[in-house]
N, C-alpha and C. Protein backbone atom coordinates (compact mmCIF):
# COMPACT_ATOMS: atom_id res chain seq x y z
N UNK A 1 120.29 102.29 89.88
CA UNK A 1 121.12 103.18 90.65
C UNK A 1 120.79 103.01 92.12
N UNK A 2 121.79 102.75 92.91
CA UNK A 2 121.60 102.58 94.34
C UNK A 2 122.77 103.26 95.03
N UNK A 3 122.57 104.48 95.51
CA UNK A 3 123.66 105.25 96.11
C UNK A 3 124.08 104.70 97.47
N UNK A 4 123.25 103.89 98.12
CA UNK A 4 123.60 103.37 99.44
C UNK A 4 124.53 102.17 99.36
N UNK A 5 124.46 101.41 98.28
CA UNK A 5 125.32 100.23 98.09
C UNK A 5 125.84 100.22 96.66
N UNK A 6 126.82 101.07 96.36
CA UNK A 6 127.27 101.17 94.97
C UNK A 6 127.92 99.88 94.46
N UNK A 7 127.64 99.59 93.20
CA UNK A 7 128.24 98.44 92.52
C UNK A 7 128.15 98.69 91.02
N UNK A 8 129.18 98.33 90.30
CA UNK A 8 129.20 98.52 88.85
C UNK A 8 128.95 97.21 88.13
N UNK A 9 128.24 97.29 87.02
CA UNK A 9 128.04 96.11 86.18
C UNK A 9 129.30 95.84 85.36
N UNK A 10 129.41 94.62 84.88
CA UNK A 10 130.51 94.25 83.99
C UNK A 10 129.98 94.06 82.57
N UNK A 11 128.80 93.50 82.48
CA UNK A 11 128.16 93.18 81.21
C UNK A 11 127.56 91.79 81.30
N UNK A 12 126.49 91.55 80.57
CA UNK A 12 125.76 90.27 80.57
C UNK A 12 124.98 90.00 81.85
N UNK A 13 124.75 91.01 82.68
CA UNK A 13 123.90 90.82 83.85
C UNK A 13 122.44 90.84 83.41
N UNK A 14 121.59 90.02 84.05
CA UNK A 14 120.17 90.03 83.71
C UNK A 14 119.45 91.25 84.28
N UNK A 15 118.48 91.75 83.53
CA UNK A 15 117.61 92.83 83.98
C UNK A 15 116.27 92.21 84.34
N UNK A 16 115.81 92.46 85.55
CA UNK A 16 114.54 91.93 86.02
C UNK A 16 113.50 93.04 86.06
N UNK A 17 112.26 92.68 85.79
CA UNK A 17 111.14 93.59 85.99
C UNK A 17 110.04 92.79 86.66
N UNK A 18 109.65 93.24 87.84
CA UNK A 18 108.64 92.53 88.63
C UNK A 18 108.99 91.05 88.80
N UNK A 19 110.28 90.77 89.05
CA UNK A 19 110.73 89.42 89.36
C UNK A 19 111.02 88.51 88.18
N UNK A 20 110.85 88.99 86.95
CA UNK A 20 111.11 88.17 85.76
C UNK A 20 112.24 88.78 84.94
N UNK A 21 113.08 87.92 84.36
CA UNK A 21 114.15 88.41 83.48
C UNK A 21 113.50 88.95 82.21
N UNK A 22 113.80 90.23 81.91
CA UNK A 22 113.21 90.86 80.72
C UNK A 22 114.27 91.42 79.78
N UNK A 23 115.54 91.37 80.17
CA UNK A 23 116.58 91.92 79.31
C UNK A 23 117.96 91.65 79.87
N UNK A 24 118.96 92.24 79.20
CA UNK A 24 120.35 92.01 79.57
C UNK A 24 121.13 93.32 79.49
N UNK A 25 122.12 93.43 80.37
CA UNK A 25 123.02 94.59 80.37
C UNK A 25 124.12 94.33 79.35
N UNK A 26 124.49 95.36 78.60
CA UNK A 26 125.58 95.23 77.64
C UNK A 26 126.89 95.79 78.19
N UNK A 27 126.79 96.87 78.97
CA UNK A 27 128.00 97.49 79.54
C UNK A 27 127.58 98.48 80.61
N UNK A 28 128.55 99.03 81.30
CA UNK A 28 128.24 100.03 82.32
C UNK A 28 129.47 100.40 83.11
N UNK A 29 129.28 101.25 84.08
CA UNK A 29 130.37 101.69 84.94
C UNK A 29 129.95 102.92 85.72
N UNK A 30 130.90 103.48 86.45
CA UNK A 30 130.62 104.65 87.28
C UNK A 30 130.59 105.90 86.41
N UNK A 31 129.54 106.69 86.54
CA UNK A 31 129.39 107.93 85.78
C UNK A 31 129.77 109.10 86.69
N UNK A 32 130.94 109.65 86.46
CA UNK A 32 131.44 110.72 87.33
C UNK A 32 130.54 111.95 87.32
N UNK A 33 129.97 112.29 86.18
CA UNK A 33 129.12 113.48 86.09
C UNK A 33 127.87 113.33 86.96
N UNK A 34 127.23 112.18 86.89
CA UNK A 34 126.00 111.98 87.65
C UNK A 34 126.25 111.45 89.05
N UNK A 35 127.43 110.90 89.30
CA UNK A 35 127.77 110.40 90.63
C UNK A 35 127.14 109.07 90.99
N UNK A 36 126.74 108.29 89.99
CA UNK A 36 126.15 106.97 90.22
C UNK A 36 126.70 105.96 89.22
N UNK A 37 126.41 104.71 89.47
CA UNK A 37 126.76 103.66 88.52
C UNK A 37 125.65 103.58 87.47
N UNK A 38 126.04 103.58 86.20
CA UNK A 38 125.08 103.49 85.10
C UNK A 38 125.30 102.21 84.32
N UNK A 39 124.23 101.68 83.78
CA UNK A 39 124.31 100.47 82.96
C UNK A 39 123.53 100.68 81.67
N UNK A 40 124.04 100.13 80.59
CA UNK A 40 123.34 100.16 79.31
C UNK A 40 122.84 98.75 79.02
N UNK A 41 121.61 98.65 78.60
CA UNK A 41 121.08 97.33 78.34
C UNK A 41 119.83 97.38 77.48
N UNK A 42 119.29 96.21 77.24
CA UNK A 42 118.10 96.06 76.41
C UNK A 42 116.93 95.57 77.25
N UNK A 43 115.79 96.22 77.08
CA UNK A 43 114.53 95.77 77.66
C UNK A 43 113.47 95.86 76.57
N UNK A 44 112.37 95.13 76.69
CA UNK A 44 111.32 95.21 75.67
C UNK A 44 110.76 96.63 75.53
N UNK A 45 110.37 96.98 74.30
CA UNK A 45 109.86 98.32 74.02
C UNK A 45 108.68 98.69 74.90
N UNK A 46 107.83 97.73 75.21
CA UNK A 46 106.66 98.05 76.02
C UNK A 46 107.01 98.44 77.46
N UNK A 47 108.23 98.08 77.91
CA UNK A 47 108.68 98.49 79.25
C UNK A 47 109.53 99.76 79.22
N UNK A 48 110.00 100.13 78.05
CA UNK A 48 110.90 101.28 77.92
C UNK A 48 110.10 102.57 77.76
N UNK A 49 109.29 102.87 78.76
CA UNK A 49 108.45 104.06 78.74
C UNK A 49 108.66 104.85 80.03
N UNK A 50 108.55 106.16 79.94
CA UNK A 50 108.71 107.02 81.11
C UNK A 50 107.76 106.58 82.22
N UNK A 51 108.30 106.53 83.42
CA UNK A 51 107.49 106.18 84.58
C UNK A 51 107.44 104.71 84.91
N UNK A 52 108.00 103.84 84.05
CA UNK A 52 108.01 102.41 84.34
C UNK A 52 108.96 102.14 85.50
N UNK A 53 108.48 101.46 86.53
CA UNK A 53 109.30 101.15 87.70
C UNK A 53 109.36 99.63 87.87
N UNK A 54 110.09 99.18 88.89
CA UNK A 54 110.16 97.76 89.20
C UNK A 54 111.34 97.04 88.58
N UNK A 55 112.35 97.80 88.10
CA UNK A 55 113.53 97.18 87.50
C UNK A 55 114.57 96.85 88.57
N UNK A 56 115.26 95.72 88.37
CA UNK A 56 116.39 95.33 89.20
C UNK A 56 117.44 94.70 88.30
N UNK A 57 118.70 94.80 88.72
CA UNK A 57 119.81 94.17 88.02
C UNK A 57 120.53 93.27 89.02
N UNK A 58 120.81 92.05 88.61
CA UNK A 58 121.54 91.13 89.47
C UNK A 58 123.03 91.35 89.24
N UNK A 59 123.72 91.82 90.28
CA UNK A 59 125.16 92.09 90.21
C UNK A 59 125.85 91.21 91.24
N UNK A 60 126.65 90.28 90.78
CA UNK A 60 127.39 89.33 91.62
C UNK A 60 126.47 88.69 92.65
N UNK A 61 125.33 88.21 92.20
CA UNK A 61 124.40 87.49 93.07
C UNK A 61 123.50 88.36 93.92
N UNK A 62 123.64 89.67 93.85
CA UNK A 62 122.81 90.58 94.63
C UNK A 62 121.88 91.36 93.71
N UNK A 63 120.63 91.45 94.09
CA UNK A 63 119.65 92.23 93.33
C UNK A 63 119.79 93.70 93.70
N UNK A 64 119.95 94.55 92.69
CA UNK A 64 120.10 95.99 92.91
C UNK A 64 118.97 96.72 92.20
N UNK A 65 118.31 97.67 92.87
CA UNK A 65 117.26 98.43 92.21
C UNK A 65 117.83 99.24 91.06
N UNK A 66 117.07 99.39 90.00
CA UNK A 66 117.52 100.15 88.84
C UNK A 66 116.40 101.09 88.39
N UNK A 67 116.81 102.24 87.89
CA UNK A 67 115.87 103.25 87.40
C UNK A 67 116.05 103.41 85.90
N UNK A 68 114.97 103.35 85.17
CA UNK A 68 115.02 103.54 83.73
C UNK A 68 115.34 105.00 83.43
N UNK A 69 116.37 105.23 82.63
CA UNK A 69 116.81 106.58 82.27
C UNK A 69 116.63 106.76 80.77
N UNK A 70 115.64 107.53 80.37
CA UNK A 70 115.36 107.70 78.94
C UNK A 70 116.07 108.91 78.35
N UNK A 71 116.45 109.86 79.17
CA UNK A 71 117.14 111.06 78.69
C UNK A 71 118.65 110.84 78.77
N UNK A 72 119.43 111.52 77.93
CA UNK A 72 120.89 111.39 77.99
C UNK A 72 121.43 111.87 79.34
N UNK A 73 122.46 111.20 79.82
CA UNK A 73 123.12 111.61 81.05
C UNK A 73 124.43 112.28 80.62
N UNK A 74 124.37 113.59 80.51
CA UNK A 74 125.54 114.32 80.04
C UNK A 74 125.45 115.77 80.47
N UNK A 75 126.41 116.54 80.06
CA UNK A 75 126.49 117.97 80.37
C UNK A 75 126.30 118.74 79.07
N UNK A 76 125.04 118.95 78.63
CA UNK A 76 124.81 119.54 77.32
C UNK A 76 125.35 120.95 77.15
N UNK A 77 125.46 121.71 78.22
CA UNK A 77 125.96 123.08 78.10
C UNK A 77 127.48 123.13 78.13
N UNK A 78 128.13 122.04 78.50
CA UNK A 78 129.59 122.02 78.58
C UNK A 78 130.13 122.76 79.80
N UNK A 79 129.29 123.01 80.79
CA UNK A 79 129.70 123.80 81.95
C UNK A 79 130.69 123.07 82.86
N UNK A 80 130.78 121.75 82.76
CA UNK A 80 131.70 121.01 83.63
C UNK A 80 132.93 120.51 82.89
N UNK A 81 133.13 120.97 81.67
CA UNK A 81 134.29 120.52 80.89
C UNK A 81 135.59 121.00 81.54
N UNK A 82 136.59 120.15 81.45
CA UNK A 82 137.91 120.49 81.99
C UNK A 82 138.95 120.23 80.92
N UNK A 83 139.99 121.00 80.95
CA UNK A 83 141.05 120.83 79.95
C UNK A 83 141.95 119.79 80.40
C-alpha cells in the first residue's frame, strides 16, 4: 500500500522480501472501504507472520512498498452498507 503513488496490480506480479522474489500476486485492485490498493498473493508461511516488514511488489517496472495484512479488510458491523 502506497498512498502517495497509487497503483493497482493486475495479477502475476512478483512479491519481493528484502530484495528477493518470495511470492506472486494472484489478483488485486482498489479497495473503496480502506481507500488503498490491495493485492492478494502467496508468500512463504515463515514470512506470513504479524510484524514482518520489507515487502515490495513490482508494478509495471516500479517497486512499490507493501504491507502484510493478516486481518480481513471489511466492515464487520455493516455500518457502511448502502442500498
